[in-house]
Amino acid sequence: MTDPIMNVPIARTSLTEAEINSVLGPLESGWLVQGPKVREFEEKWSRFTGADHSLAVTSCTTGLHLAAVALGLKPGDEVIVPAFTWIATANIVEHQQAKVVFCDIDLETFNIDPVAFEAAITERTRGVVPVHLFGLAANMDEISAIARSHGLWVIEDAACGFGAKYKGSHVGTLGDAGVFSFHPRKAITTGEGGMVTTNDADLAETVRRLRDHGAVISDLQRHHGPRPYLLADHTLAGFNQRMTDIQAALGSAQMDRADAIIQERRRLAARYDQALSDIEWLRPPASPDGFEHGYQSYACLFMPEQVAKGEIAFVNERRNNWMDFLQQNGVSTRPATHAVHMLSFYAEKYALAKDAFPRARAANDCSVSLPLFHGMTEAEQEHVIALVRQPPA
């Protein structure tokens, strides 16, 4: 009888008993909506990132949307977005009936190319959404300088940015606002959820009201005030995008081991780096000087020499066959993310060809993410390494 195949997922949520039990507090107290646990989670997030203000919301997507609304994005405005990112980065622009303007990426880092960003600016451009993909910060000095010179706002899509730093500063504190994700694939999870960060007190207050129907004070403040029976004034036509105390209790409990979670992900990534360093047909994630990688995922470029020659279709077929081989042997992989301009909605609406942004297309067709998650065992990683080291057929 043969031994069963070890199955290693692309990601796995790992919670301690204390973290699991943390959700009982709100359930037992009876206060389930945005309340004291949300405030506690926000305070811990601000201490960890160094942000002056942190505002918990229902998802990173809604957080990006709130930030764009708060910064005044209107129909007909243009916002520049890297072509290689999760679709939500672009969708929030569409939700405001504004126009997404894509630009290409730097294939070494998978992040927005500042030169391409500047070339995409027009008189209708109002802002840019740099993405800190996979836990590596974008080049914020160049992006911020270009944005300032053209009077543009900057919203950092830090969905993958937990633990990522740029020249000593945590991402999410470098633009007008930053937004993080707590999806189950993320290092800190609340099932669904997000966090908006900013150092601008006025912007924070606008987001705070917008997430809560435009109310000037929260239900918690009203209930603990001298006249809890009086309803709040509403100064904005806001949304209902509040995180619950149940979710926040889980997030807050995980923040008590935030440093340990980041260090574990970096240790796993360093082990991959060392074990795979001699493989010519797989380029590991970049980690330039001055950048501290959070390793939300371990995104590689497959057959980089052939990619550089423009042999994208050939590499894509070989990559897919290799991913099939890994899947059949118990190792789950994924393309790093997708090129949004190649997805049906954007390709059709804006008449965009696959090669409109060639480096984004190359990343879409030739990237591969290997399993990396806190709680990954040494045996699981050894299994991945042993299979990855086998050259593609």
Protein backbone atom coordinates (compact mmCIF):
# COMPACT_ATOMS: atom_id res chain seq x y z
CA MET A 1 0.00 0.00 0.00
CA THR A 2 1.35 3.43 -0.94
CA ASP A 3 1.44 6.28 1.54
CA PRO A 4 -1.35 8.85 1.10
CA ILE A 5 -0.35 12.09 -0.62
CA MET A 6 0.21 15.01 1.73
CA ASN A 7 -2.10 17.86 0.76
CA VAL A 8 -0.80 21.40 1.29
CA PRO A 9 -3.33 24.20 0.64
CA ILE A 10 -2.38 27.59 -0.79
CA ALA A 11 -3.45 29.11 2.54
CA ARG A 12 -4.99 27.99 5.80
CA THR A 13 -6.47 29.95 8.69
CA SER A 14 -4.72 29.19 11.97
CA LEU A 15 -6.39 30.45 15.15
CA THR A 16 -5.51 29.82 18.78
CA GLU A 17 -8.08 28.65 21.30
CA ALA A 18 -8.05 32.11 22.88
CA GLU A 19 -8.76 33.73 19.51
CA ILE A 20 -11.65 31.36 18.83
CA ASN A 21 -13.09 32.02 22.28
CA SER A 22 -12.73 35.79 21.85
CA VAL A 23 -15.98 35.96 19.87
CA LEU A 24 -17.91 34.75 22.93
CA GLY A 25 -17.41 38.12 24.65
CA PRO A 26 -19.68 40.11 22.31
CA LEU A 27 -22.16 37.23 22.13
CA GLU A 28 -22.43 37.09 25.91
CA SER A 29 -22.56 40.88 26.33
CA GLY A 30 -25.35 41.30 23.82
CA TRP A 31 -23.51 44.11 22.02
CA LEU A 32 -22.94 42.66 18.55
CA VAL A 33 -22.79 45.67 16.23
CA GLN A 34 -19.93 48.16 15.96
CA GLY A 35 -18.98 48.82 19.57
CA PRO A 36 -16.21 48.48 22.17
CA LYS A 37 -14.44 45.60 20.42
CA VAL A 38 -14.28 47.55 17.17
CA ARG A 39 -12.74 50.47 19.05
CA GLU A 40 -10.23 48.10 20.71
CA PHE A 41 -9.28 46.55 17.36
CA GLU A 42 -8.83 49.98 15.78
CA GLU A 43 -6.59 51.15 18.62
CA LYS A 44 -4.37 48.07 18.34
CA TRP A 45 -4.17 48.51 14.57
CA SER A 46 -3.08 52.13 14.94
CA ARG A 47 -0.38 51.18 17.44
CA PHE A 48 0.93 48.44 15.16
CA THR A 49 0.99 50.47 11.94
CA GLY A 50 1.72 53.91 13.38
CA ALA A 51 -1.40 55.38 11.74
CA ASP A 52 -3.06 58.27 13.55
CA HIS A 53 -6.54 56.95 12.73
CA SER A 54 -7.83 53.42 11.98
CA LEU A 55 -11.44 52.74 11.02
CA ALA A 56 -12.81 49.20 10.80
CA VAL A 57 -15.19 48.45 7.92
CA THR A 58 -16.88 45.49 6.25
CA SER A 59 -14.13 44.73 3.72
CA CYS A 60 -11.08 46.17 2.02
CA THR A 61 -13.29 46.84 -1.01
CA THR A 62 -15.75 48.96 0.96
CA GLY A 63 -12.84 50.69 2.67
CA LEU A 64 -11.35 51.67 -0.70
CA HIS A 65 -14.76 52.90 -1.79
CA LEU A 66 -15.25 54.97 1.37
CA ALA A 67 -11.81 56.53 1.00
CA ALA A 68 -12.52 57.45 -2.62
CA VAL A 69 -15.90 58.97 -1.71
CA ALA A 70 -14.36 60.90 1.19
CA LEU A 71 -11.69 62.29 -1.15
CA GLY A 72 -14.39 63.57 -3.51
CA LEU A 73 -14.26 61.13 -6.44
CA LYS A 74 -17.05 62.07 -8.85
CA PRO A 75 -18.54 60.72 -12.10
CA GLY A 76 -16.28 61.44 -15.04
CA ASP A 77 -13.10 61.67 -12.94
CA GLU A 78 -10.18 59.39 -13.77
CA VAL A 79 -8.22 57.25 -11.34
CA ILE A 80 -5.00 55.42 -12.23
CA VAL A 81 -4.81 51.78 -11.14
CA PRO A 82 -2.11 49.17 -11.85
CA ALA A 83 -3.28 46.66 -14.44
CA PHE A 84 -2.08 43.72 -12.30
CA THR A 85 -4.12 43.62 -9.09
CA TRP A 86 -7.31 42.15 -7.66
CA ILE A 87 -10.37 43.42 -9.51
CA ALA A 88 -11.71 45.30 -6.46
CA THR A 89 -9.01 47.96 -6.87
CA ALA A 90 -10.60 48.97 -10.16
CA ASN A 91 -14.22 48.25 -9.23
CA ILE A 92 -14.39 50.95 -6.58
CA VAL A 93 -13.66 53.55 -9.28
CA GLU A 94 -16.48 52.17 -11.43
CA HIS A 95 -18.84 52.27 -8.44
CA GLN A 96 -18.46 56.07 -8.42
CA GLN A 97 -19.12 56.22 -12.18
CA ALA A 98 -15.57 57.40 -12.65
CA LYS A 99 -13.14 56.03 -15.23
CA VAL A 100 -10.43 53.48 -14.50
CA VAL A 101 -7.16 54.25 -16.27
CA PHE A 102 -4.81 51.29 -16.11
CA CYS A 103 -1.03 51.49 -16.19
CA ASP A 104 1.63 48.81 -16.40
CA ILE A 105 3.72 47.31 -13.61
CA ASP A 106 7.35 46.62 -12.82
CA LEU A 107 7.71 42.89 -13.48
CA GLU A 108 10.52 42.61 -10.92
CA THR A 109 8.22 43.59 -8.03
CA PHE A 110 4.74 43.09 -9.57
CA ASN A 111 3.93 46.62 -8.32
CA ILE A 112 2.91 49.77 -10.18
CA ASP A 113 5.59 51.28 -12.44
CA PRO A 114 5.98 54.98 -11.50
CA VAL A 115 7.01 55.90 -15.06
CA ALA A 116 3.88 54.26 -16.48
CA PHE A 117 1.79 55.96 -13.78
CA GLU A 118 3.03 59.42 -14.71
CA ALA A 119 2.52 58.77 -18.43
CA ALA A 120 -1.14 57.88 -17.78
CA ILE A 121 -2.02 61.20 -16.08
CA THR A 122 -4.48 63.46 -17.91
CA GLU A 123 -6.32 66.66 -17.00
CA ARG A 124 -9.19 64.49 -15.66
CA THR A 125 -6.99 62.43 -13.32
CA ARG A 126 -7.91 62.89 -9.66
CA GLY A 127 -5.97 60.14 -7.91
CA VAL A 128 -3.95 56.95 -8.00
CA VAL A 129 -4.34 53.65 -6.14
CA PRO A 130 -0.91 52.00 -5.76
CA VAL A 131 -1.16 48.40 -4.58
CA HIS A 132 1.30 46.81 -2.17
CA LEU A 133 1.03 43.43 -3.84
CA PHE A 134 1.67 40.22 -1.90
CA GLY A 135 3.19 42.12 1.05
CA LEU A 136 5.80 44.18 -0.82
CA ALA A 137 5.39 47.96 -0.68
CA ALA A 138 5.13 49.94 -3.88
CA ASN A 139 7.79 52.59 -4.58
CA MET A 140 6.02 55.24 -2.55
CA ASP A 141 8.64 58.00 -2.77
CA GLU A 142 8.35 58.21 -6.54
CA ILE A 143 4.59 57.66 -6.58
CA SER A 144 3.97 60.32 -3.93
CA ALA A 145 6.26 62.84 -5.63
CA ILE A 146 4.48 62.39 -8.96
CA ALA A 147 1.06 62.61 -7.31
CA ARG A 148 1.96 65.80 -5.44
CA SER A 149 3.33 67.45 -8.56
CA HIS A 150 -0.01 66.86 -10.30
CA GLY A 151 -2.26 67.58 -7.32
CA LEU A 152 -3.51 63.99 -7.04
CA TRP A 153 -4.65 62.08 -3.98
CA VAL A 154 -3.15 58.68 -3.13
CA ILE A 155 -5.11 55.74 -1.70
CA GLU A 156 -2.86 52.80 -0.82
CA ASP A 157 -4.46 49.44 -1.55
CA ALA A 158 -2.78 47.61 1.34
CA ALA A 159 -5.03 44.55 1.19
CA CYS A 160 -1.90 42.38 1.38
CA GLY A 161 0.10 44.95 3.35
CA PHE A 162 0.01 43.69 6.95
CA GLY A 163 3.63 43.83 8.20
CA ALA A 164 4.96 45.49 5.03
CA LYS A 165 7.18 48.54 5.51
CA TYR A 166 8.76 51.09 3.21
CA LYS A 167 11.88 52.82 4.53
CA GLY A 168 10.80 52.09 8.09
CA SER A 169 7.17 53.20 7.75
CA HIS A 170 4.31 50.74 7.68
CA VAL A 171 2.26 50.81 4.49
CA GLY A 172 -1.09 52.48 4.87
CA THR A 173 0.54 55.54 6.44
CA LEU A 174 2.26 56.87 3.31
CA GLY A 175 -0.63 58.23 1.23
CA ASP A 176 -3.82 60.13 1.98
CA ALA A 177 -5.37 56.86 3.13
CA GLY A 178 -4.57 53.16 3.20
CA VAL A 179 -6.91 50.17 3.27
CA PHE A 180 -6.24 46.63 4.57
CA SER A 181 -8.08 43.33 4.12
CA PHE A 182 -9.05 40.71 6.70
CA HIS A 183 -10.18 38.04 4.22
CA PRO A 184 -9.43 34.46 5.37
CA ARG A 185 -6.32 34.30 3.16
CA LYS A 186 -4.82 37.27 4.99
CA ALA A 187 -2.42 37.09 7.95
CA ILE A 188 -5.03 38.67 10.24
CA THR A 189 -8.59 37.59 9.46
CA THR A 190 -12.08 38.48 10.61
CA GLY A 191 -13.76 36.31 7.94
CA GLU A 192 -14.56 39.41 5.94
CA GLY A 193 -13.49 42.88 7.00
CA GLY A 194 -11.17 45.77 6.33
CA MET A 195 -9.41 48.73 7.97
CA VAL A 196 -9.00 52.27 6.64
CA THR A 197 -5.94 54.12 7.95
CA THR A 198 -5.07 57.80 7.61
CA ASN A 199 -3.12 60.56 9.30
CA ASP A 200 -5.67 63.16 8.22
CA ALA A 201 -8.16 63.86 11.02
CA ASP A 202 -10.76 65.43 8.72
CA LEU A 203 -10.60 62.53 6.28
CA ALA A 204 -10.91 60.06 9.17
CA GLU A 205 -14.03 61.83 10.43
CA THR A 206 -15.61 61.76 6.97
CA VAL A 207 -14.92 58.01 6.60
CA ARG A 208 -16.19 57.44 10.15
CA ARG A 209 -19.51 59.05 9.26
CA LEU A 210 -19.79 57.54 5.79
CA ARG A 211 -19.44 53.97 7.10
CA ASP A 212 -22.33 54.59 9.53
CA HIS A 213 -25.13 56.07 7.38
CA GLY A 214 -23.55 59.55 7.72
CA ALA A 215 -24.21 59.73 11.46
CA VAL A 216 -22.29 62.30 13.50
CA ILE A 217 -21.94 59.89 16.44
CA SER A 218 -22.00 56.10 16.64
CA ASP A 219 -24.65 53.98 18.37
CA LEU A 220 -22.10 53.19 21.08
CA GLN A 221 -21.49 56.89 21.77
CA ARG A 222 -25.21 57.60 21.79
CA HIS A 223 -26.07 54.72 24.12
CA HIS A 224 -23.41 55.79 26.61
CA GLY A 225 -24.30 59.47 26.38
CA PRO A 226 -26.59 61.43 28.71
CA ARG A 227 -29.60 61.07 26.38
CA PRO A 228 -29.39 57.67 24.65
CA TYR A 229 -33.00 57.98 23.49
CA LEU A 230 -32.17 60.84 21.09
CA LEU A 231 -31.18 59.81 17.57
CA ALA A 232 -28.03 61.16 15.93
CA ASP A 233 -27.96 63.78 13.22
CA HIS A 234 -26.84 62.58 9.76
CA THR A 235 -24.76 65.06 7.77
CA LEU A 236 -23.94 62.78 4.83
CA ALA A 237 -25.77 60.26 2.65
CA GLY A 238 -23.62 57.47 4.00
CA PHE A 239 -23.52 53.68 3.80
CA ASN A 240 -23.85 50.76 6.18
CA GLN A 241 -20.27 49.47 6.10
CA ARG A 242 -19.62 48.90 9.80
CA MET A 243 -17.63 45.98 11.16
CA THR A 244 -19.40 43.99 13.89
CA ASP A 245 -18.01 43.54 17.39
CA ILE A 246 -17.96 39.77 16.78
CA GLN A 247 -15.51 40.20 13.90
CA ALA A 248 -13.49 42.85 15.73
CA ALA A 249 -13.08 40.62 18.80
CA LEU A 250 -11.45 38.00 16.59
CA GLY A 251 -9.20 40.55 14.88
CA SER A 252 -8.23 42.20 18.15
CA ALA A 253 -7.26 38.85 19.71
CA GLN A 254 -4.98 38.06 16.74
CA MET A 255 -3.27 41.43 17.05
CA ASP A 256 -1.83 40.25 20.38
CA ARG A 257 0.51 38.02 18.37
CA ALA A 258 0.90 40.25 15.33
CA ASP A 259 4.71 40.38 15.50
CA ALA A 260 4.95 36.59 15.84
CA ILE A 261 2.71 36.09 12.80
CA ILE A 262 4.87 38.36 10.66
CA GLN A 263 8.12 36.78 11.84
CA GLU A 264 6.79 33.31 11.04
CA ARG A 265 5.83 34.31 7.50
CA ARG A 266 9.27 35.84 6.97
CA ARG A 267 10.94 32.70 8.31
CA LEU A 268 8.95 30.51 5.91
CA ALA A 269 9.77 32.82 3.00
CA ALA A 270 13.48 32.79 3.88
CA ARG A 271 13.40 29.00 3.87
CA TYR A 272 11.85 29.02 0.40
CA ASP A 273 14.45 31.57 -0.76
CA GLN A 274 17.31 29.38 0.38
CA ALA A 275 15.88 26.10 -0.91
CA LEU A 276 14.93 27.45 -4.34
CA SER A 277 17.78 29.90 -4.96
CA ASP A 278 19.54 27.70 -7.54
CA ILE A 279 16.46 27.10 -9.72
CA GLU A 280 16.87 29.10 -12.90
CA TRP A 281 13.29 28.62 -14.10
CA LEU A 282 11.64 30.12 -11.01
CA ARG A 283 12.27 33.66 -9.77
CA PRO A 284 11.36 34.18 -6.09
CA PRO A 285 9.72 37.37 -4.74
CA ALA A 286 11.82 40.52 -4.80
CA SER A 287 12.81 42.18 -1.53
CA PRO A 288 14.73 45.37 -2.38
CA ASP A 289 16.80 47.34 0.14
CA GLY A 290 14.64 49.61 2.25
CA PHE A 291 11.59 47.35 1.91
CA GLU A 292 10.36 44.96 4.61
CA HIS A 293 8.25 42.26 2.99
CA GLY A 294 5.17 41.04 4.84
CA TYR A 295 4.88 37.89 2.65
CA GLN A 296 1.13 37.77 2.46
CA SER A 297 1.90 35.32 -0.31
CA TYR A 298 5.01 33.93 -2.00
CA ALA A 299 4.57 35.06 -5.61
CA CYS A 300 7.17 33.85 -8.13
CA LEU A 301 7.74 34.35 -11.86
CA PHE A 302 7.86 31.11 -13.84
CA MET A 303 10.56 30.68 -16.50
CA PRO A 304 11.75 34.32 -16.26
CA GLU A 305 14.27 34.07 -19.14
CA GLN A 306 11.56 33.00 -21.57
CA VAL A 307 9.23 35.70 -20.20
CA ALA A 308 11.92 38.31 -20.91
CA LYS A 309 12.03 37.07 -24.51
CA GLY A 310 8.28 37.56 -24.84
CA GLU A 311 7.45 33.85 -25.08
CA ILE A 312 4.34 34.35 -22.95
CA ALA A 313 2.03 31.77 -24.56
CA PHE A 314 4.74 29.10 -24.34
CA VAL A 315 5.50 29.89 -20.69
CA ASN A 316 1.80 30.02 -19.80
CA GLU A 317 1.21 26.52 -21.15
CA ARG A 318 4.26 25.14 -19.34
CA ARG A 319 3.25 26.90 -16.11
CA ASN A 320 -0.27 25.50 -16.23
CA ASN A 321 1.04 21.98 -16.83
CA TRP A 322 3.47 22.41 -13.91
CA MET A 323 0.68 23.65 -11.64
CA ASP A 324 -1.37 20.60 -12.68
CA PHE A 325 1.55 18.38 -11.67
CA LEU A 326 1.83 20.06 -8.28
CA GLN A 327 -1.94 19.84 -7.70
CA GLN A 328 -1.97 16.14 -8.55
CA ASN A 329 0.77 15.62 -5.97
CA GLY A 330 -0.94 17.50 -3.17
CA VAL A 331 0.47 21.03 -3.54
CA SER A 332 -2.03 23.80 -4.21
CA THR A 333 -0.78 26.85 -6.15
CA ARG A 334 -2.36 29.89 -7.77
CA PRO A 335 -1.47 32.54 -10.34
CA ALA A 336 -0.27 35.44 -8.18
CA THR A 337 -3.38 37.46 -9.10
CA HIS A 338 -4.97 38.60 -12.35
CA ALA A 339 -4.45 41.34 -14.91
CA VAL A 340 -7.68 43.28 -14.58
CA HIS A 341 -7.57 44.67 -18.11
CA MET A 342 -7.81 41.07 -19.39
CA LEU A 343 -11.04 40.33 -17.48
CA SER A 344 -14.21 40.46 -19.53
CA PHE A 345 -15.83 43.54 -17.97
CA TYR A 346 -12.83 45.84 -18.41
CA ALA A 347 -11.58 44.32 -21.67
CA GLU A 348 -14.99 44.87 -23.26
CA LYS A 349 -15.90 48.23 -21.70
CA TYR A 350 -12.59 49.88 -22.57
CA ALA A 351 -11.71 47.78 -25.66
CA LEU A 352 -8.42 46.64 -24.13
CA ALA A 353 -6.23 44.04 -25.82
CA LYS A 354 -4.26 41.52 -23.74
CA ASP A 355 -0.99 43.20 -24.70
CA ALA A 356 -2.20 46.72 -23.89
CA PHE A 357 -0.13 46.33 -20.71
CA PRO A 358 2.45 43.68 -21.62
CA ARG A 359 4.15 43.33 -18.24
CA ALA A 360 0.79 42.92 -16.51
CA ARG A 361 -0.13 40.27 -19.07
CA ALA A 362 3.17 38.48 -18.44
CA ALA A 363 2.50 38.53 -14.69
CA ASN A 364 -1.02 37.23 -15.27
CA ASP A 365 0.08 34.33 -17.47
CA CYS A 366 3.46 33.46 -15.94
CA SER A 367 3.26 34.03 -12.18
CA VAL A 368 2.70 31.35 -9.57
CA SER A 369 2.19 31.61 -5.80
CA LEU A 370 3.40 28.80 -3.56
CA PRO A 371 1.72 27.84 -0.26
CA LEU A 372 2.69 30.10 2.64
CA PHE A 373 0.67 30.62 5.81
CA HIS A 374 1.27 30.83 9.53
CA GLY A 375 0.89 27.41 11.06
CA MET A 376 2.56 25.76 8.04
CA THR A 377 4.55 22.79 9.30
CA GLU A 378 8.12 21.95 8.38
CA ALA A 379 6.90 18.70 6.79
CA GLU A 380 4.40 20.60 4.64
CA GLN A 381 7.01 23.05 3.42
CA GLU A 382 9.51 20.26 2.74
CA HIS A 383 6.87 18.51 0.64
CA VAL A 384 6.32 21.70 -1.38
CA ILE A 385 10.05 22.29 -1.84
CA ALA A 386 10.72 18.72 -2.97
CA LEU A 387 8.04 18.94 -5.67
CA VAL A 388 8.86 22.48 -6.78
CA ARG A 389 12.49 21.49 -7.31
CA GLN A 390 11.44 18.96 -9.95
CA PRO A 391 11.81 20.72 -13.31
CA PRO A 392 8.71 21.23 -15.43
CA ALA A 393 8.08 18.67 -18.15
